Protein backbone atom coordinates (compact mmCIF):
# COMPACT_ATOMS: atom_id res chain seq x y z
CA MET A 1 0.00 0.00 0.00
CA ARG A 2 1.44 3.38 -0.99
CA ILE A 3 2.18 5.59 1.98
CA TRP A 4 0.22 8.58 0.68
CA ARG A 5 -2.93 6.45 0.64
CA THR A 6 -2.68 5.78 4.37
CA VAL A 7 -3.84 8.03 7.19
CA VAL A 8 -0.20 8.43 8.30
CA GLY A 9 0.88 9.48 4.81
CA LYS A 10 -2.05 11.85 4.32
CA LEU A 11 -1.52 13.48 7.69
CA TRP A 12 2.23 13.67 7.13
CA MET A 13 1.91 15.18 3.64
CA THR A 14 -0.79 17.61 4.85
CA ILE A 15 1.43 18.92 7.66
CA LEU A 16 4.45 19.21 5.32
CA PHE A 17 2.40 21.02 2.67
CA MET A 18 0.96 23.44 5.19
CA VAL A 19 4.36 24.16 6.76
CA ALA A 20 6.04 24.50 3.35
CA PHE A 21 3.31 26.83 2.16
CA VAL A 22 3.56 28.98 5.29
CA LEU A 23 7.38 29.06 5.03
CA LEU A 24 7.18 30.02 1.35
CA ILE A 25 4.84 32.91 2.07
CA LEU A 26 6.96 33.93 5.07
CA THR A 27 10.18 33.80 2.98
CA ILE A 28 8.68 35.97 0.26
CA LEU A 29 7.40 38.47 2.81
CA LEU A 30 10.71 38.53 4.70
CA LEU A 31 12.73 39.04 1.51
CA LYS A 32 10.41 41.83 0.46
CA PHE A 33 10.57 43.31 3.94
CA PHE A 34 14.38 43.24 4.09
CA GLU A 35 14.67 44.61 0.56
CA ASP A 36 12.35 47.50 1.29
CA TYR A 37 14.07 48.04 4.62
CA HIS A 38 17.52 48.30 3.01
CA ILE A 39 16.25 50.59 0.25
CA ASN A 40 14.60 52.83 2.82
CA GLN A 41 17.79 52.75 4.84
CA ILE A 42 19.85 53.76 1.77
CA GLU A 43 17.40 56.53 0.97
CA GLN A 44 17.56 57.72 4.56
CA ASP A 45 21.37 57.62 4.55
CA LEU A 46 21.53 59.46 1.22
CA SER A 47 19.10 62.09 2.47
CA ASN A 48 21.11 62.62 5.67
CA THR A 49 24.37 62.79 3.73
CA ALA A 50 22.93 65.26 1.22
CA GLN A 51 21.54 67.40 4.03
CA LYS A 52 24.91 67.40 5.82
CA ILE A 53 26.78 68.35 2.66
CA SER A 54 24.24 71.10 1.93
CA ASN A 55 24.67 72.49 5.42
CA ILE A 56 28.47 72.35 5.23
CA MET A 57 28.51 74.01 1.80
CA GLU A 58 26.18 76.73 3.01
CA GLU A 59 28.44 77.39 6.00
CA HIS A 60 31.59 77.42 3.89
CA PRO A 61 30.63 78.81 0.51
CA GLY A 62 33.53 78.72 -1.96
CA ASP A 63 35.83 77.38 0.74
CA ALA A 64 38.12 74.48 -0.18
CA MET A 65 38.04 73.23 3.41
CA GLY A 66 34.26 73.07 3.26
CA LYS A 67 34.47 70.85 0.21
CA GLU A 68 36.92 68.53 1.87
CA ILE A 69 34.71 68.29 4.95
CA ALA A 70 31.64 67.73 2.81
CA LEU A 71 33.29 65.07 0.70
CA GLY A 72 34.58 63.38 3.83
CA VAL A 73 31.00 62.79 4.85
CA LEU A 74 30.39 60.61 1.78
CA ASP A 75 30.35 56.82 1.99
CA LYS A 76 32.56 54.88 -0.36
CA HIS A 77 29.51 53.83 -2.41
CA GLU A 78 27.97 57.31 -2.56
CA LYS A 79 28.48 59.85 -5.29
CA VAL A 80 27.73 63.57 -5.06
CA MET A 81 27.00 66.42 -7.45
CA ILE A 82 26.95 69.99 -6.17
CA PHE A 83 25.21 72.47 -8.44
CA TYR A 84 25.72 76.18 -8.16
CA PRO A 85 24.03 78.65 -10.45
CA ASP A 86 27.22 79.17 -12.37
CA LYS A 87 29.09 75.86 -11.95
CA ALA A 88 28.89 72.26 -10.78
CA TYR A 89 31.20 69.92 -8.89
CA THR A 90 31.20 66.14 -8.92
CA TYR A 91 32.79 63.56 -6.69
CA PRO A 92 34.77 61.72 -7.66
CA ALA A 93 36.20 64.63 -9.55
CA GLY A 94 35.84 64.63 -13.31
CA SER A 95 33.04 62.01 -13.35
CA LYS A 96 30.56 63.14 -16.00
CA SER A 97 28.16 60.22 -15.49
CA TYR A 98 27.44 57.31 -13.18
CA LYS A 99 26.18 54.07 -14.73
CA GLY A 100 25.02 56.10 -17.70
CA ILE A 101 23.24 58.71 -15.57
CA SER A 102 24.83 62.16 -16.13
CA TYR A 103 24.20 65.40 -14.32
CA GLN A 104 22.43 66.64 -17.47
CA SER A 105 19.94 63.73 -17.26
CA ILE A 106 19.50 64.45 -13.54
CA LEU A 107 18.78 68.11 -14.21
CA LYS A 108 16.31 67.20 -16.94
CA ASP A 109 14.32 64.89 -14.66
CA LYS A 110 11.04 66.61 -13.83
CA GLN A 111 10.78 65.24 -10.32
CA LEU A 112 14.40 66.01 -9.40
CA SER A 113 14.16 69.44 -10.92
CA LYS A 114 11.62 70.32 -8.24
CA VAL A 115 14.60 70.91 -5.95
CA PHE A 116 15.25 74.11 -7.95
CA THR A 117 11.70 75.16 -8.67
CA GLN A 118 10.02 74.26 -5.37
CA ASN A 119 13.10 74.42 -3.11
CA LYS A 120 12.39 71.04 -1.42
CA LYS A 121 14.18 67.74 -0.87
CA VAL A 122 13.46 65.06 -3.52
CA THR A 123 14.40 61.36 -3.65
CA LYS A 124 13.93 59.18 -6.73
CA GLU A 125 15.01 55.80 -8.02
CA LEU A 126 16.38 56.07 -11.54
CA VAL A 127 16.84 53.33 -14.11
CA PRO A 128 20.05 53.64 -16.12
CA PRO A 129 19.63 53.70 -19.91
CA ASN A 130 21.49 50.41 -20.27
CA GLY A 131 19.83 48.75 -17.21
CA SER A 132 16.79 46.50 -16.87
CA PRO A 133 13.78 47.89 -15.03
CA ARG A 134 13.23 44.45 -13.47
CA ASN A 135 16.76 44.21 -12.07
CA LYS A 136 16.79 46.44 -9.02
CA TYR A 137 20.51 46.06 -8.57
CA ASN A 138 21.04 48.22 -11.72
CA HIS A 139 18.94 51.08 -10.36
CA VAL A 140 20.35 54.23 -8.87
CA ILE A 141 18.78 56.16 -5.98
CA VAL A 142 19.21 59.95 -6.20
CA THR A 143 18.48 62.35 -3.34
CA ALA A 144 18.41 66.12 -4.05
CA VAL A 145 18.62 68.70 -1.27
CA PRO A 146 18.34 72.51 -1.90
CA LEU A 147 21.56 74.51 -1.53
CA HIS A 148 21.26 78.20 -0.61
CA THR A 149 23.91 80.46 -2.20
CA ASP A 150 25.10 83.96 -1.38
CA ASN A 151 23.59 85.50 -4.49
CA GLY A 152 20.19 84.01 -3.69
CA LYS A 153 20.08 81.83 -6.77
CA PRO A 154 19.00 78.18 -6.18
CA GLY A 155 21.52 75.46 -6.04
CA ALA A 156 21.32 71.79 -5.10
CA VAL A 157 23.24 68.88 -3.74
CA PHE A 158 22.62 65.54 -5.46
CA VAL A 159 23.82 62.43 -3.66
CA TYR A 160 23.29 59.14 -5.48
CA GLN A 161 24.19 55.51 -5.03
CA SER A 162 23.72 52.27 -6.97
CA LEU A 163 21.65 49.46 -5.43
CA GLU A 164 24.39 46.96 -6.23
CA VAL A 165 25.34 47.15 -2.57
CA LEU A 166 22.01 45.43 -1.80
CA LYS A 167 22.83 42.39 -3.90
CA GLU A 168 25.27 40.86 -1.49
CA THR A 169 23.14 41.75 1.50
CA SER A 170 20.01 40.29 -0.17
CA GLU A 171 21.83 37.12 -1.11
CA GLN A 172 23.07 36.64 2.44
CA THR A 173 19.61 37.36 3.84
CA THR A 174 18.03 34.93 1.34
CA LYS A 175 20.52 32.22 2.25
CA LEU A 176 19.84 32.73 5.93
CA ILE A 177 16.06 32.61 5.44
CA LEU A 178 16.28 29.53 3.18
CA LEU A 179 18.57 27.82 5.70
CA ALA A 180 16.07 28.53 8.44
CA ALA A 181 13.22 27.28 6.22
CA GLY A 182 15.15 24.09 5.40
CA ILE A 183 15.83 23.43 9.06
CA ALA A 184 12.14 24.10 9.78
CA ILE A 185 11.10 21.66 7.01
CA ILE A 186 13.39 18.94 8.38
CA LEU A 187 12.16 19.45 11.94
CA THR A 188 8.55 19.57 10.72
CA THR A 189 9.07 16.36 8.75
CA GLY A 190 10.30 14.54 11.81
CA PHE A 191 7.56 16.01 13.98
CA ALA A 192 4.89 15.25 11.37
CA PHE A 193 6.10 11.67 11.01
CA PHE A 194 6.18 11.22 14.78
CA LEU A 195 2.71 12.74 15.19
CA SER A 196 1.32 10.77 12.25
CA THR A 197 2.77 7.56 13.65
CA ARG A 198 1.32 8.26 17.08
CA ILE A 199 -2.10 8.84 15.52
CA GLY A 200 -1.89 6.31 12.72
CA GLY A 201 -0.51 3.41 14.79
CA PRO A 202 -3.64 2.95 16.92
CA LEU A 203 -5.80 3.58 13.85
CA HIS A 204 -3.92 0.84 12.00
CA LYS A 205 -4.54 -1.58 14.87
CA MET A 206 -8.21 -0.59 14.91
CA ARG A 207 -8.34 -1.19 11.15
CA GLU A 208 -6.92 -4.69 11.61
CA ALA A 209 -9.36 -5.33 14.46
CA ALA A 210 -12.24 -4.06 12.31
CA PHE A 211 -11.35 -6.58 9.58
CA GLU A 212 -11.24 -9.34 12.21
CA VAL A 213 -14.66 -8.26 13.49
CA ALA A 214 -15.95 -8.23 9.91
CA LYS A 215 -14.85 -11.88 9.67
CA GLY A 216 -16.92 -12.69 12.75
CA ARG A 217 -14.13 -12.70 15.36
CA PHE A 218 -15.85 -10.43 17.85
CA ASP A 219 -13.37 -11.19 20.65
CA LYS A 220 -10.64 -9.15 18.93
CA LYS A 221 -9.41 -6.35 21.23
CA VAL A 222 -7.63 -3.08 20.42
CA PRO A 223 -4.83 -2.07 22.85
CA ILE A 224 -5.54 1.23 24.62
CA LEU A 225 -2.22 3.14 24.43
CA THR A 226 -3.39 6.67 25.19
CA HIS A 227 -6.13 8.41 27.12
CA ASP A 228 -7.07 10.95 24.47
CA GLU A 229 -9.75 10.77 21.79
CA ILE A 230 -7.96 7.85 20.08
CA GLY A 231 -7.85 5.96 23.38
CA GLU A 232 -11.55 6.67 23.87
CA LEU A 233 -12.16 5.44 20.32
CA ALA A 234 -10.30 2.21 21.12
CA THR A 235 -12.39 1.80 24.29
CA ALA A 236 -15.57 2.39 22.30
CA PHE A 237 -14.39 -0.12 19.67
CA ASN A 238 -13.76 -2.81 22.30
CA THR A 239 -17.15 -2.10 23.87
CA MET A 240 -18.75 -2.33 20.43
CA GLY A 241 -17.04 -5.69 19.83
CA ARG A 242 -18.34 -7.08 23.12
CA GLN A 243 -21.83 -5.78 22.38
CA LEU A 244 -21.71 -7.23 18.88
CA ALA A 245 -20.61 -10.59 20.26
CA PHE A 246 -23.46 -10.49 22.78
CA ASN A 247 -25.99 -9.48 20.13
CA MET A 248 -24.75 -12.10 17.68
CA ASP A 249 -24.99 -14.79 20.35
CA ALA A 250 -28.51 -13.63 21.17
CA LEU A 251 -29.45 -13.62 17.49
CA ARG A 252 -27.87 -17.04 17.02
CA GLN A 253 -29.80 -18.43 19.97
CA GLU A 254 -33.04 -16.89 18.70
CA LYS A 255 -32.31 -18.25 15.23
CA GLU A 256 -31.64 -21.74 16.60
CA GLN A 257 -34.73 -21.49 18.77
CA LEU A 258 -36.82 -20.36 15.79
CA ARG A 259 -35.35 -23.16 13.66
CA SER A 260 -36.12 -25.72 16.35
CA ILE A 261 -39.65 -24.39 16.78
CA MET A 262 -40.30 -24.38 13.05
CA SER A 263 -38.75 -27.84 12.59
CA SER A 264 -40.87 -29.29 15.39
CA MET A 265 -44.09 -27.69 14.17
CA ALA A 266 -46.66 -30.02 12.69
CA ASP A 267 -47.89 -27.20 10.45
CA GLY A 268 -45.90 -26.01 7.47
CA VAL A 269 -44.56 -22.46 7.43
CA LEU A 270 -43.54 -20.61 4.25
CA THR A 271 -42.32 -17.01 4.12
CA PHE A 272 -42.32 -15.21 0.77
CA ASN A 273 -41.08 -11.90 -0.63
CA ARG A 274 -43.48 -9.74 -2.59
CA ASP A 275 -42.19 -11.33 -5.79
CA GLY A 276 -42.92 -14.85 -4.51
CA THR A 277 -39.36 -15.81 -3.57
CA ILE A 278 -39.27 -18.32 -0.70
CA LEU A 279 -37.33 -17.01 2.32
CA ILE A 280 -38.08 -19.52 5.09
CA MET A 281 -39.41 -23.05 4.85
CA ASN A 282 -39.77 -25.83 7.45
CA PRO A 283 -39.95 -29.62 6.76
CA PRO A 284 -43.79 -29.88 6.61
CA ALA A 285 -43.86 -27.00 4.12
CA GLU A 286 -41.14 -28.71 2.09
CA MET A 287 -43.23 -31.90 2.06
CA PHE A 288 -46.22 -29.86 0.90
CA LEU A 289 -44.24 -28.44 -2.04
CA GLN A 290 -42.89 -31.91 -2.90
CA HIS A 291 -46.47 -33.20 -3.11
CA TRP A 292 -47.29 -30.25 -5.36
CA TYR A 293 -44.28 -30.77 -7.65
CA HIS A 294 -45.05 -34.49 -7.81
CA GLU A 295 -48.64 -33.81 -8.86
CA GLN A 296 -48.06 -31.11 -11.47
CA GLU A 297 -47.58 -32.17 -15.06
CA LYS A 298 -44.40 -31.62 -17.02
CA GLU A 299 -45.85 -28.87 -19.18
CA ASP A 300 -47.08 -27.02 -16.09
CA GLU A 301 -44.24 -24.81 -14.88
CA ALA A 302 -46.17 -22.92 -12.17
CA PRO A 303 -43.79 -22.46 -9.21
CA LEU A 304 -46.61 -22.57 -6.63
CA PRO A 305 -50.13 -24.03 -6.45
CA GLU A 306 -52.68 -21.77 -8.09
CA GLY A 307 -54.77 -21.44 -4.94
CA LEU A 308 -51.73 -20.40 -2.89
CA SER A 309 -50.60 -17.83 -5.49
CA ALA A 310 -54.10 -16.34 -5.68
CA LEU A 311 -54.35 -16.02 -1.89
CA MET A 312 -50.90 -14.43 -1.69
CA GLN A 313 -51.83 -11.83 -4.32
CA LYS A 314 -55.06 -11.12 -2.48
CA VAL A 315 -53.16 -10.55 0.78
CA VAL A 316 -50.78 -8.13 -0.97
CA ASP A 317 -53.70 -6.25 -2.57
CA THR A 318 -55.98 -6.07 0.49
CA GLU A 319 -53.28 -6.11 3.24
CA LYS A 320 -55.51 -8.46 5.23
CA GLU A 321 -55.16 -12.06 6.40
CA GLN A 322 -56.69 -14.61 4.03
CA THR A 323 -57.71 -18.24 4.57
CA GLY A 324 -58.28 -20.93 1.97
CA GLU A 325 -58.16 -24.68 1.36
CA ILE A 326 -56.61 -26.67 -1.47
CA GLU A 327 -56.34 -30.36 -2.32
CA ILE A 328 -53.12 -31.97 -3.58
CA ASN A 329 -52.68 -35.68 -4.25
CA GLY A 330 -55.83 -36.47 -2.30
CA ARG A 331 -54.61 -34.54 0.75
CA HIS A 332 -56.45 -31.50 2.11
CA TYR A 333 -54.52 -28.41 3.21
CA VAL A 334 -55.81 -25.28 4.95
CA LEU A 335 -53.81 -22.14 4.13
CA ILE A 336 -53.62 -19.14 6.48
CA ILE A 337 -51.71 -16.26 4.85
CA SER A 338 -50.81 -13.09 6.74
CA PRO A 339 -48.94 -9.96 5.55
CA LEU A 340 -45.44 -9.06 6.71
CA TYR A 341 -44.78 -5.33 7.03
CA ASN A 342 -41.58 -3.36 6.50
CA GLN A 343 -42.34 -0.10 8.31
CA SER A 344 -45.09 1.33 6.07
CA ARG A 345 -45.38 -1.24 3.27
CA ILE A 346 -45.85 -4.98 2.82
CA ARG A 347 -42.53 -6.72 2.24
CA GLY A 348 -43.92 -10.24 1.97
CA VAL A 349 -46.31 -12.79 3.41
CA VAL A 350 -46.12 -15.71 5.84
CA THR A 351 -48.15 -18.80 5.05
CA VAL A 352 -49.19 -21.44 7.59
CA ILE A 353 -50.06 -24.75 5.92
CA ARG A 354 -52.10 -27.15 7.99
CA ASP A 355 -52.61 -30.72 6.78
CA MET A 356 -56.28 -31.43 7.45
CA THR A 357 -56.32 -34.83 5.69
CA GLU A 358 -56.56 -36.81 8.91
CA GLU A 359 -59.23 -34.49 10.30
CA ARG A 360 -61.24 -34.80 7.10
CA ARG A 361 -60.82 -38.56 7.21
CA LEU A 362 -61.90 -38.65 10.85
CA ASP A 363 -64.89 -36.47 10.03
CA LYS A 364 -65.85 -38.89 7.29
CA LEU A 365 -65.29 -41.86 9.62
CA ARG A 366 -67.45 -40.20 12.25
CA ASP A 367 -70.21 -39.57 9.76
CA ASP A 368 -69.89 -43.12 8.43
CA PHE A 369 -69.81 -44.46 11.99
CA ILE A 370 -73.02 -42.66 12.89
CA ALA A 371 -74.65 -43.82 9.68
CA ASN A 372 -73.47 -47.42 10.15
CA VAL A 373 -74.49 -47.55 13.81
CA SER A 374 -77.86 -46.13 12.88
CA HIS A 375 -78.16 -48.67 10.09
CA GLU A 376 -77.10 -51.57 12.32
CA LEU A 377 -79.51 -50.56 15.10
CA ARG A 378 -82.41 -49.76 12.81
CA THR A 379 -83.15 -53.38 11.89
CA PRO A 380 -83.10 -54.94 15.42
CA VAL A 381 -84.98 -51.99 16.89
CA ALA A 382 -87.60 -52.27 14.15
CA MET A 383 -87.91 -56.00 14.79
CA LEU A 384 -88.16 -55.43 18.54
CA GLN A 385 -90.87 -52.86 17.98
CA GLY A 386 -92.78 -55.01 15.49
CA TYR A 387 -92.77 -58.26 17.45
CA SER A 388 -93.47 -56.53 20.76
CA GLU A 389 -96.47 -54.77 19.19
CA ALA A 390 -97.61 -58.12 17.82
CA ILE A 391 -97.53 -59.61 21.32
CA ILE A 392 -99.28 -56.59 22.83
CA ASP A 393 -102.01 -56.61 20.19
CA ASP A 394 -102.54 -60.40 20.66
CA ILE A 395 -101.70 -61.07 17.03
CA ALA A 396 -100.00 -64.30 18.09
CA ALA A 397 -102.82 -66.84 18.29
CA SER A 398 -101.01 -69.54 20.22
CA GLU A 399 -98.45 -69.89 22.94
CA GLU A 400 -95.97 -71.30 20.44
CA GLU A 401 -96.16 -68.14 18.32
CA LYS A 402 -95.76 -65.93 21.37
CA LYS A 403 -92.66 -67.92 22.39
CA GLU A 404 -91.32 -67.62 18.86
CA PHE A 405 -91.87 -63.85 18.90
CA ALA A 406 -90.24 -63.62 22.34
CA LYS A 407 -87.31 -65.70 21.06
CA ILE A 408 -86.84 -63.30 18.15
CA ILE A 409 -86.99 -60.32 20.52
CA TYR A 410 -84.43 -62.03 22.78
CA ASP A 411 -82.07 -62.72 19.84
CA GLU A 412 -82.28 -59.14 18.62
CA THR A 413 -81.63 -57.92 22.15
CA LEU A 414 -78.50 -60.07 22.28
CA ARG A 415 -77.48 -58.70 18.89
CA ILE A 416 -77.83 -55.11 20.13
CA GLY A 417 -75.88 -56.03 23.27
CA ARG A 418 -73.05 -57.53 21.20
CA LEU A 419 -72.95 -54.44 19.01
CA VAL A 420 -72.77 -52.10 22.02
CA ASN A 421 -70.10 -54.22 23.77
CA GLU A 422 -68.00 -54.40 20.62
CA LEU A 423 -68.30 -50.63 20.14
CA LEU A 424 -67.21 -50.03 23.72
CA ASP A 425 -64.24 -52.43 23.41
CA LEU A 426 -63.16 -50.84 20.13
CA ALA A 427 -63.43 -47.33 21.56
CA ARG A 428 -61.39 -48.27 24.64
CA MET A 429 -58.67 -49.93 22.56
CA GLU A 430 -58.37 -47.00 20.15
CA ALA A 431 -58.23 -44.58 23.09
CA GLY A 432 -55.52 -46.66 24.80
CA HIS A 433 -57.62 -47.29 27.88
CA PHE A 434 -57.98 -51.04 27.36
CA SER A 435 -55.94 -53.25 29.71
CA PHE A 436 -54.55 -56.65 28.77
CA HIS A 437 -53.89 -59.60 31.09
CA MET A 438 -50.55 -60.86 29.81
CA GLU A 439 -49.39 -64.40 30.50
CA SER A 440 -47.09 -66.98 28.97
CA VAL A 441 -49.11 -69.36 26.81
CA PRO A 442 -47.97 -72.59 25.07
CA PHE A 443 -48.87 -71.49 21.60
CA LYS A 444 -49.35 -74.83 19.81
CA ASN A 445 -51.91 -76.12 22.33
CA PHE A 446 -53.65 -72.75 22.23
CA VAL A 447 -54.12 -72.79 18.42
CA GLU A 448 -55.30 -76.42 18.40
CA ARG A 449 -57.81 -75.75 21.19
CA VAL A 450 -59.38 -72.70 19.50
CA THR A 451 -59.56 -74.47 16.14
CA HIS A 452 -61.13 -77.58 17.70
CA LYS A 453 -64.11 -75.49 18.92
CA PHE A 454 -65.29 -75.01 15.31
CA ASN A 455 -65.19 -78.71 14.30
CA GLY A 456 -68.93 -79.18 14.94
CA ILE A 457 -69.97 -76.10 12.95
CA ALA A 458 -67.65 -77.04 10.10
CA LYS A 459 -69.08 -80.58 9.90
CA GLU A 460 -72.66 -79.26 9.83
CA LYS A 461 -71.78 -77.10 6.82
CA GLY A 462 -69.74 -79.79 5.11
CA ILE A 463 -66.48 -77.85 5.36
CA THR A 464 -63.12 -79.45 6.07
CA LEU A 465 -61.39 -77.69 8.99
CA SER A 466 -57.73 -78.47 9.63
CA CYS A 467 -55.00 -77.19 11.92
CA ALA A 468 -51.31 -77.35 10.96
CA ALA A 469 -49.15 -76.32 13.92
CA ALA A 470 -45.54 -76.31 12.75
CA SER A 471 -43.97 -75.33 16.05
CA ASP A 472 -43.13 -77.69 18.86
CA HIS A 473 -44.67 -77.66 22.27
CA ALA A 474 -41.80 -75.56 23.68
CA LEU A 475 -42.94 -72.34 21.91
CA VAL A 476 -44.39 -69.97 24.51
CA ILE A 477 -45.86 -66.57 23.60
CA ASN A 478 -46.43 -63.77 26.09
CA MET A 479 -49.96 -62.56 25.30
CA ASP A 480 -53.52 -61.99 26.49
CA ALA A 481 -54.96 -65.42 25.68
CA ASP A 482 -58.60 -64.31 25.78
CA ARG A 483 -58.05 -61.44 23.36
CA ILE A 484 -55.93 -63.44 20.91
CA GLU A 485 -58.56 -66.17 21.08
CA GLN A 486 -61.12 -63.50 20.16
CA VAL A 487 -59.00 -62.61 17.10
CA LEU A 488 -58.52 -66.21 15.98
CA THR A 489 -62.18 -67.03 16.63
CA ASN A 490 -63.31 -64.09 14.51
CA LEU A 491 -61.06 -65.10 11.60
CA ILE A 492 -62.10 -68.80 11.67
CA ASP A 493 -65.77 -67.90 12.04
CA ASN A 494 -65.59 -65.50 9.07
CA ALA A 495 -63.81 -68.13 6.98
CA ILE A 496 -66.46 -70.80 7.75
CA ARG A 497 -69.37 -68.45 7.12
CA HIS A 498 -68.02 -67.35 3.74
CA THR A 499 -66.98 -70.79 2.48
CA ALA A 500 -69.37 -72.96 0.48
CA PRO A 501 -70.06 -76.63 1.38
CA ASN A 502 -67.29 -79.07 0.40
CA GLY A 503 -64.80 -76.25 0.87
CA TYR A 504 -61.97 -76.09 3.34
CA VAL A 505 -60.58 -73.85 6.04
CA LYS A 506 -56.95 -74.25 7.08
CA VAL A 507 -55.36 -72.81 10.23
CA ALA A 508 -51.57 -72.82 9.90
CA GLU A 509 -48.86 -71.79 12.34
CA GLU A 510 -45.46 -70.51 11.10
CA GLU A 511 -42.67 -69.85 13.57
CA VAL A 512 -39.97 -67.29 12.72
CA GLU A 513 -36.97 -65.99 14.65
CA ASP A 514 -38.71 -63.13 16.49
CA GLY A 515 -42.29 -64.40 16.63
CA VAL A 516 -44.99 -66.50 15.06
CA TYR A 517 -47.45 -66.14 12.14
CA ILE A 518 -51.01 -67.52 12.15
CA HIS A 519 -52.65 -68.01 8.73
CA VAL A 520 -56.40 -68.67 8.32
CA GLU A 521 -56.96 -69.77 4.72
CA ASP A 522 -60.22 -70.64 2.96
CA ASN A 523 -61.30 -71.32 -0.61
CA GLY A 524 -64.46 -69.28 -0.34
CA SER A 525 -65.82 -66.50 -2.51
CA GLY A 526 -62.89 -64.16 -1.88
CA ILE A 527 -62.81 -60.38 -1.49
CA PRO A 528 -62.84 -57.91 -4.39
CA LYS A 529 -59.52 -56.17 -4.95
CA GLU A 530 -60.99 -52.73 -4.42
CA ASP A 531 -62.34 -53.75 -1.01
CA LEU A 532 -59.09 -55.18 0.40
CA PRO A 533 -57.70 -51.84 1.77
CA PHE A 534 -60.87 -51.28 3.83
CA VAL A 535 -61.67 -54.67 5.37
CA PHE A 536 -60.23 -53.65 8.77
CA GLU A 537 -62.35 -50.49 9.04
CA ARG A 538 -65.36 -50.32 11.32
CA PHE A 539 -68.71 -51.44 9.81
CA TYR A 540 -67.08 -52.07 6.47
CA LYS A 541 -68.45 -55.08 4.60
CA ALA A 542 -67.57 -56.42 1.21
CA ASP A 543 -70.25 -56.91 -1.41
CA LYS A 544 -73.42 -58.79 -0.62
CA ALA A 545 -72.24 -61.93 -2.32
CA ARG A 546 -69.76 -62.40 0.51
CA THR A 547 -72.21 -61.67 3.35
CA ARG A 548 -74.94 -63.91 2.04
CA GLY A 549 -77.35 -62.29 4.42
CA LYS A 550 -75.40 -63.49 7.46
CA SER A 551 -75.69 -61.36 10.51
CA GLY A 552 -72.65 -59.36 11.61
CA THR A 553 -71.81 -55.97 13.03
CA GLY A 554 -68.82 -55.25 10.78
CA LEU A 555 -66.64 -54.58 13.84
CA GLY A 556 -64.91 -57.96 14.25
CA LEU A 557 -61.94 -57.28 11.97
CA ALA A 558 -61.49 -53.74 13.33
CA ILE A 559 -61.34 -55.14 16.87
CA ALA A 560 -58.97 -57.92 15.74
CA LYS A 561 -56.61 -55.35 14.19
CA ASN A 562 -56.52 -53.26 17.40
CA ILE A 563 -55.85 -56.34 19.56
CA VAL A 564 -52.99 -57.53 17.33
CA GLU A 565 -51.41 -54.09 17.09
CA ALA A 566 -51.71 -53.70 20.89
CA HIS A 567 -49.49 -56.82 21.10
CA ASN A 568 -46.93 -55.04 18.85
CA GLY A 569 -47.99 -57.30 16.02
CA ARG A 570 -49.57 -56.79 12.62
CA ILE A 571 -52.45 -58.25 10.63
CA PHE A 572 -52.96 -58.39 6.88
CA VAL A 573 -55.05 -60.13 4.21
CA LYS A 574 -54.53 -61.66 0.77
CA SER A 575 -57.47 -62.57 -1.42
CA LYS A 576 -58.60 -63.23 -4.97
CA LEU A 577 -62.21 -62.99 -5.94
CA GLY A 578 -63.68 -66.47 -6.40
CA GLN A 579 -60.49 -68.25 -5.25
CA GLY A 580 -60.45 -67.67 -1.51
CA THR A 581 -58.97 -65.53 1.23
CA THR A 582 -56.06 -65.77 3.65
CA PHE A 583 -55.99 -63.67 6.83
CA SER A 584 -52.65 -63.63 8.64
CA PHE A 585 -51.40 -62.01 11.82
CA PHE A 586 -48.00 -61.87 13.46
CA LEU A 587 -47.25 -61.95 17.20
CA PRO A 588 -43.79 -61.24 18.64
CA LYS A 589 -42.39 -63.68 21.18
CA LYS A 590 -42.07 -60.83 23.71
CA ALA A 591 -44.80 -58.21 23.54
CA ASP A 592 -43.91 -55.09 25.57
CA ILE A 593 -47.36 -53.72 26.45
CA HIS A 594 -49.24 -52.59 29.53
CA ALA A 595 -50.72 -55.51 31.43
CA GLU A 596 -52.75 -55.97 34.55
């Protein structure tokens, strides 16, 4: 870095320039002053000398001694001309001219001639004919003093001297002044450099510290070397660095806190500029945009969903919060868009994206649940009402008919009771308030026992029921035996009810490293492909060909799924329409669940 670009160099050069300029002006003024002083001194000396000679000549008119005395008054550089009305004397004797100036030219000068006409002392600076007006050392100063004669006619004494005597004096004075100026420049240079260094050194350290702070190193300190303004500046700089470090730490903590809050939020948050540029985005919002980009077609290059863009523009236009809902890939999103202000104008918007898919699904399930419960209760209630009215109105003619009607009412009452109990069990399991009684159960004996209960029903319907337990008797599963029996009973009962005569139902056990699989296979009518994803939902039933008018609440498989999942297991189904169905569930060997 060049020195004149630094603060030290600029300060140094400024001080030197100012001092040099002041010394230059002072030198010019001093030279002019000394020159004028010497000229005035010469004029004063010439005037005194001329006056003395005039007085001597007046006291000794025509006396040779008077001339000698008068000429003795002259300086070696002075010349004199004494004019009488009838004659003139010069000194040195016989000198007709001096540097080209003769007594005739002196007498012809209008200003000098006033000594004769006006009888007064006159001083003038004459330029010789061969001299330069600009060179003062060629000029001649002439002083004329009136001389009174005995006959009363005017005379005059002219004393003159060349300014060459000033040349040596001026040169010596100039050398002295220039020497003093040079010494002053040298001293000023050293002082300026010392002062600049004293000022620039701390500034240089503050500059280095400022660059360190700009790089994020807020702990950089500036040494405090003085107690003047620069020292106070260093103190202020160190205080600023500490405050910046504190503020940056606070901002960093707030930023981390905001990032953690936004990352942990279930709702998506998007912040946009006025031009639609995304500034902030959390993971749910990123997932929302991924769903949008996945759905849009290749020829559609819209950066944002149309509904979102329209709401954003409306917020910018109206400066009010807007709410809307859009659907992407079968998922429902509620958008809440609010303006962000920058003092007096909107600088952007913040969008909160709430995934309402599960809420919409739950709303639909609630509506379906109410409709299904109403549908399931309508038939037994109607039958209860009808047969009870028949008994009351004595429509039944015999005791046998009354017993038959009472039996129907009793069966429908049991059906309503089963429906209510199953609903209560399902609600408790889904809410997590259902307790299990866990115990270690020999699994092979358990499967064989539950399957054996359906042998009579299977024989009545002409269905072959078999049990293939692949594990040995040593396999023990930690489970709630009653609840798992409820699951297996439901699956076997469904298989028998939906299998035609001469069909088969197989219960198979498959042991794996971490648990056991139970498969209930039949060659019945099967389940349509479009119904398979919904068979474990409450009140869901496949088409009527599979129900065959059999009674059922539609809750058995939903309860079975909750029981299996409560044991940290899983249940699934495979089926082909017209070829049969296989329900399977897996139980781990060690189920870590709450037990009483």
